[in-house]
Amino acid sequence: MPALSESVAPRATVIAAFYNDIDTLILLMRALDEQADGSFELIIADDGSRDDVVQEIARHMARCSYPVRHIWQADNGFLKTVILNDAVRQARGQTLIFVDADCVVQTDFVRDHLVHAGPGIMQTGRRVDVFHDAYQLLDCSHASQIVRRNFVRLLLWTLRSKARNLEKGIRFPIGIRRLWRGRDWGSWVAISRLTVRT
């Protein structure tokens, strides 16, 4: 991904709501380094993390191939919306993409949002919900491909109720997505059976 110059306005601003969980923030930052579309900046909207965490963020920001800023407010309780509003005011991108810092995005995350962006359009992303610290048990060598590289383990966790929404973390080809049109997993299974050729 070509680096975006600080002087060039990015097409998108990714705003990551954050509080103290540095390990998952690092995974998010690594996944953003692996994006197919590099025309974005990251703003870490920090709702009062500890001083040691703030120092760790600064070390990791220096390693990013994209523009990144860390904005912080004092820890006066859960005031996430206040720091997010501050991030919006500081954003330089034409499109705003909000994500919680404990969500690790896939390779096409920014590109998919930009392809479908437009006036009056709001999009939601896809995710797999897993238990806290699950990343320690997963192959995170390519952060943006965690679902692909760990699919079998995630499927087993889903069957054992340790993970939820696995189907929402899968990036289906566009033809399948048009057929699916947001239907539930049972509809996807029915559609997949109809399209199998023997």
Protein backbone atom coordinates (compact mmCIF):
# COMPACT_ATOMS: atom_id res chain seq x y z
CA MET A 1 0.00 0.00 0.00
CA PRO A 2 1.54 3.37 -0.93
CA ALA A 3 1.97 5.73 2.00
CA LEU A 4 -0.36 8.70 2.15
CA SER A 5 1.43 12.01 2.56
CA GLU A 6 0.52 14.13 5.58
CA SER A 7 -0.10 17.06 3.20
CA VAL A 8 -2.63 15.15 1.05
CA ALA A 9 -6.17 14.98 2.42
CA PRO A 10 -7.17 11.33 2.83
CA ARG A 11 -10.34 9.96 1.26
CA ALA A 12 -11.34 8.47 4.61
CA THR A 13 -10.73 8.91 8.31
CA VAL A 14 -10.89 5.75 10.41
CA ILE A 15 -11.86 6.75 13.95
CA ALA A 16 -11.07 4.09 16.55
CA ALA A 17 -12.74 4.43 19.95
CA PHE A 18 -10.19 3.25 22.51
CA TYR A 19 -9.61 2.70 26.23
CA ASN A 20 -6.54 0.90 27.68
CA ASP A 21 -6.63 -2.37 25.64
CA ILE A 22 -3.30 -1.84 23.89
CA ASP A 23 -2.90 -5.41 22.56
CA THR A 24 -6.05 -5.28 20.44
CA LEU A 25 -5.30 -1.71 19.32
CA ILE A 26 -1.92 -2.92 18.02
CA LEU A 27 -3.71 -5.65 16.04
CA LEU A 28 -6.06 -3.05 14.56
CA MET A 29 -3.11 -0.82 13.61
CA ARG A 30 -1.35 -3.79 11.97
CA ALA A 31 -4.52 -4.70 10.07
CA LEU A 32 -4.79 -1.12 8.81
CA ASP A 33 -1.20 -1.41 7.55
CA GLU A 34 -2.41 -4.33 5.39
CA GLN A 35 -5.31 -2.46 3.75
CA ALA A 36 -5.85 -2.76 0.00
CA ASP A 37 -6.70 0.96 -0.15
CA GLY A 38 -4.26 3.23 1.65
CA SER A 39 -6.05 6.54 1.19
CA PHE A 40 -7.02 6.96 4.85
CA GLU A 41 -5.85 8.31 8.16
CA LEU A 42 -6.42 6.86 11.61
CA ILE A 43 -7.52 8.84 14.64
CA ILE A 44 -7.32 6.97 17.94
CA ALA A 45 -10.06 8.50 20.09
CA ASP A 46 -8.87 7.68 23.61
CA ASP A 47 -11.34 8.01 26.49
CA GLY A 48 -8.69 8.36 29.23
CA SER A 49 -6.19 5.50 28.98
CA ARG A 50 -3.37 5.19 31.54
CA ASP A 51 -0.04 6.99 30.97
CA ASP A 52 1.86 3.75 30.22
CA VAL A 53 -0.69 2.89 27.53
CA VAL A 54 -0.39 6.38 26.00
CA GLN A 55 3.39 5.92 25.77
CA GLU A 56 2.95 2.50 24.15
CA ILE A 57 0.56 4.01 21.57
CA ALA A 58 3.18 6.62 20.65
CA ARG A 59 5.77 3.87 20.02
CA HIS A 60 3.41 1.99 17.70
CA MET A 61 2.24 5.10 15.85
CA ALA A 62 5.79 5.61 14.60
CA ARG A 63 5.65 2.22 12.83
CA CYS A 64 2.47 2.93 10.84
CA SER A 65 2.61 3.45 7.08
CA TYR A 66 -0.45 5.75 7.18
CA PRO A 67 -1.09 9.04 8.99
CA VAL A 68 -2.22 8.44 12.57
CA ARG A 69 -3.12 10.78 15.41
CA HIS A 70 -3.89 10.00 19.02
CA ILE A 71 -6.33 12.29 20.80
CA TRP A 72 -6.84 11.78 24.52
CA GLN A 73 -9.16 13.08 27.20
CA ALA A 74 -8.96 12.60 30.97
CA ASP A 75 -10.67 9.53 32.44
CA ASN A 76 -13.81 11.05 33.93
CA GLY A 77 -16.01 8.01 33.44
CA PHE A 78 -17.46 6.64 30.21
CA LEU A 79 -17.40 9.68 27.89
CA LYS A 80 -16.76 7.89 24.60
CA THR A 81 -19.16 10.12 22.69
CA VAL A 82 -17.28 13.25 23.75
CA ILE A 83 -13.92 12.00 22.43
CA LEU A 84 -15.59 10.69 19.25
CA ASN A 85 -17.06 14.13 18.59
CA ASP A 86 -13.59 15.64 19.06
CA ALA A 87 -12.21 13.10 16.55
CA VAL A 88 -14.90 14.03 14.02
CA ARG A 89 -13.93 17.70 14.33
CA GLN A 90 -10.28 16.82 13.67
CA ALA A 91 -10.93 14.38 10.81
CA ARG A 92 -9.51 15.33 7.40
CA GLY A 93 -11.14 12.56 5.35
CA GLN A 94 -14.29 12.99 3.26
CA THR A 95 -15.69 9.71 4.61
CA LEU A 96 -15.75 8.82 8.31
CA ILE A 97 -15.38 5.17 9.29
CA PHE A 98 -15.99 4.37 12.97
CA VAL A 99 -14.62 1.26 14.59
CA ASP A 100 -14.02 0.14 18.16
CA ALA A 101 -10.31 -0.42 18.76
CA ASP A 102 -10.93 -4.03 19.76
CA CYS A 103 -12.16 -4.83 16.23
CA VAL A 104 -9.55 -6.13 13.83
CA VAL A 105 -10.49 -5.22 10.26
CA GLN A 106 -10.04 -7.32 7.13
CA THR A 107 -7.89 -6.37 4.13
CA ASP A 108 -10.70 -4.74 2.13
CA PHE A 109 -12.30 -2.88 5.04
CA VAL A 110 -11.42 0.67 3.96
CA ARG A 111 -11.84 -0.04 0.24
CA ASP A 112 -15.30 -1.58 0.74
CA HIS A 113 -16.44 1.45 2.72
CA LEU A 114 -15.09 3.88 0.11
CA VAL A 115 -16.62 1.98 -2.83
CA HIS A 116 -20.09 2.27 -1.29
CA ALA A 117 -19.73 5.73 0.27
CA GLY A 118 -21.85 8.64 -0.86
CA PRO A 119 -23.99 11.52 0.35
CA GLY A 120 -26.62 10.37 2.83
CA ILE A 121 -25.28 6.80 3.01
CA MET A 122 -24.50 5.06 6.29
CA GLN A 123 -22.86 1.64 6.29
CA THR A 124 -22.30 -0.98 8.94
CA GLY A 125 -19.40 -3.39 9.04
CA ARG A 126 -19.10 -7.10 9.66
CA ARG A 127 -17.51 -8.78 12.64
CA VAL A 128 -16.99 -12.02 14.50
CA ASP A 129 -17.53 -11.75 18.27
CA VAL A 130 -15.04 -13.77 20.33
CA PHE A 131 -14.12 -13.84 23.99
CA HIS A 132 -11.60 -11.33 25.35
CA ASP A 133 -7.95 -12.30 24.71
CA ALA A 134 -8.98 -14.81 22.00
CA TYR A 135 -6.34 -13.23 19.75
CA GLN A 136 -3.67 -14.92 21.90
CA LEU A 137 -4.93 -18.30 20.62
CA LEU A 138 -5.29 -17.26 16.97
CA ASP A 139 -2.86 -16.95 14.08
CA CYS A 140 -2.45 -13.17 13.92
CA SER A 141 0.62 -13.15 11.68
CA HIS A 142 -1.43 -11.20 9.11
CA ALA A 143 -3.82 -9.20 11.26
CA SER A 144 -6.24 -8.37 8.45
CA GLN A 145 -6.69 -12.08 7.64
CA ILE A 146 -7.52 -13.41 11.09
CA VAL A 147 -10.92 -14.82 10.02
CA ARG A 148 -9.49 -16.53 6.93
CA ARG A 149 -6.46 -17.98 8.72
CA ASN A 150 -8.45 -19.20 11.76
CA PHE A 151 -11.75 -20.20 10.18
CA VAL A 152 -11.86 -23.77 11.53
CA ARG A 153 -11.03 -22.69 15.08
CA LEU A 154 -13.61 -19.88 14.91
CA LEU A 155 -16.20 -22.33 13.58
CA LEU A 156 -15.54 -24.71 16.48
CA TRP A 157 -15.76 -21.82 18.96
CA THR A 158 -19.08 -20.81 17.38
CA LEU A 159 -20.43 -24.34 17.81
CA ARG A 160 -19.31 -24.24 21.47
CA SER A 161 -20.81 -20.76 22.03
CA LYS A 162 -17.39 -19.15 22.56
CA ALA A 163 -17.83 -17.05 19.42
CA ARG A 164 -20.83 -15.46 17.72
CA ASN A 165 -21.62 -14.06 14.31
CA LEU A 166 -18.97 -16.01 12.41
CA GLU A 167 -21.07 -15.66 9.24
CA LYS A 168 -20.88 -11.87 9.62
CA GLY A 169 -17.09 -11.96 9.50
CA ILE A 170 -16.93 -13.74 6.16
CA ARG A 171 -16.42 -11.57 3.09
CA PHE A 172 -18.51 -13.27 0.42
CA PRO A 173 -17.96 -12.63 -3.31
CA ILE A 174 -20.16 -9.81 -4.63
CA GLY A 175 -22.45 -12.18 -6.60
CA ILE A 176 -23.28 -14.15 -3.47
CA ARG A 177 -23.80 -10.94 -1.47
CA ARG A 178 -26.35 -9.73 -4.05
CA LEU A 179 -28.25 -13.00 -3.75
CA TRP A 180 -28.07 -12.97 0.01
CA ARG A 181 -29.24 -9.34 0.51
CA GLY A 182 -28.76 -9.50 4.29
CA ARG A 183 -30.70 -12.70 4.87
CA ASP A 184 -29.85 -14.85 7.85
CA TRP A 185 -27.37 -17.75 7.84
CA GLY A 186 -30.10 -20.30 7.09
CA SER A 187 -30.91 -18.42 3.89
CA TRP A 188 -27.22 -18.46 2.95
CA VAL A 189 -27.13 -22.26 3.35
CA ALA A 190 -30.24 -22.59 1.15
CA ILE A 191 -28.73 -20.31 -1.50
CA SER A 192 -25.41 -22.16 -1.47
CA ARG A 193 -27.21 -25.46 -2.06
CA LEU A 194 -29.05 -23.99 -5.04
CA THR A 195 -25.87 -22.75 -6.70
CA VAL A 196 -23.87 -26.00 -6.35
CA ARG A 197 -23.27 -27.73 -9.70
CA THR A 198 -22.77 -31.49 -9.78
